[in-house]
């Protein structure tokens, strides 16, 4: 495709009218390959150049976005030096260089976004931005109200302050097999805004509880829904936009991009 003026590219992409695009360029909000372009005569090739408005790709069609229901036993990484199966083995879509957004422990399961969009990855995983993540947790025994309040206030573990944004009792997950017994005797819904290493397992240990099942069911506005274990699907454009909106809102609450 021929090189075009930036305002035309933004207008054709549907992210702004030609006039609004020109104002955004003059305000220094548009970048090409990471370099701000503040002149109306600036040009780019929409097929080969990465064009962003306020740090968000203008042409999201250049990227792929998937939701995976990660089973336990898979490593959340693009490759593993020990030869273990990774989450990318579950998303066999060809030669695109995908990566997982954030981490789930090998023994954990549930919602994981897989993409080749580093901008979205940064928004959703930066510890300062605090995009909510919700987990269904199977435990060896119920958590008392007092301990739930402790976990929201915060507990110390190995020098870290671990806090849940919220925690509440939950019912066991539904099963298609009426004869199947729940994998744990007690369940809780836990919402986190940070992503410290093995955070839920460590905070539960701090109040004397053992985790049997740890399943992420929500990332910001994106819900796992009925996607089966080990299955994946491509995100809709509306879902990608919602994830970006959640990430940008969290970034703004934090005071803007980290320097």
Foldseek 3Di string as FASTA:
>chain_A
DDKDFQLVLLCVLVNDHSVVRLVQLCVQQKDKQPHTHNDRRDIDDVVPIFIDGNLHTSPCVVKFKKKAFAAAQAFQFQDDPVPGHHLVVLVPDPDDRKHWQAGDPNRATAIIMIMPDPSLSCLQAPQLLQFKWKKKWAWQDDDDPVLQVDQQVFDDDPNDTHHFVHKDWDDADDDPDPPDDGQHPTIMMTMTRGDDDVRVQRSCVVRPMHTRYIYIADTRPDGRPPADHSDMDTDDPVVVVNSVVSSVVSQVVSPHDDD
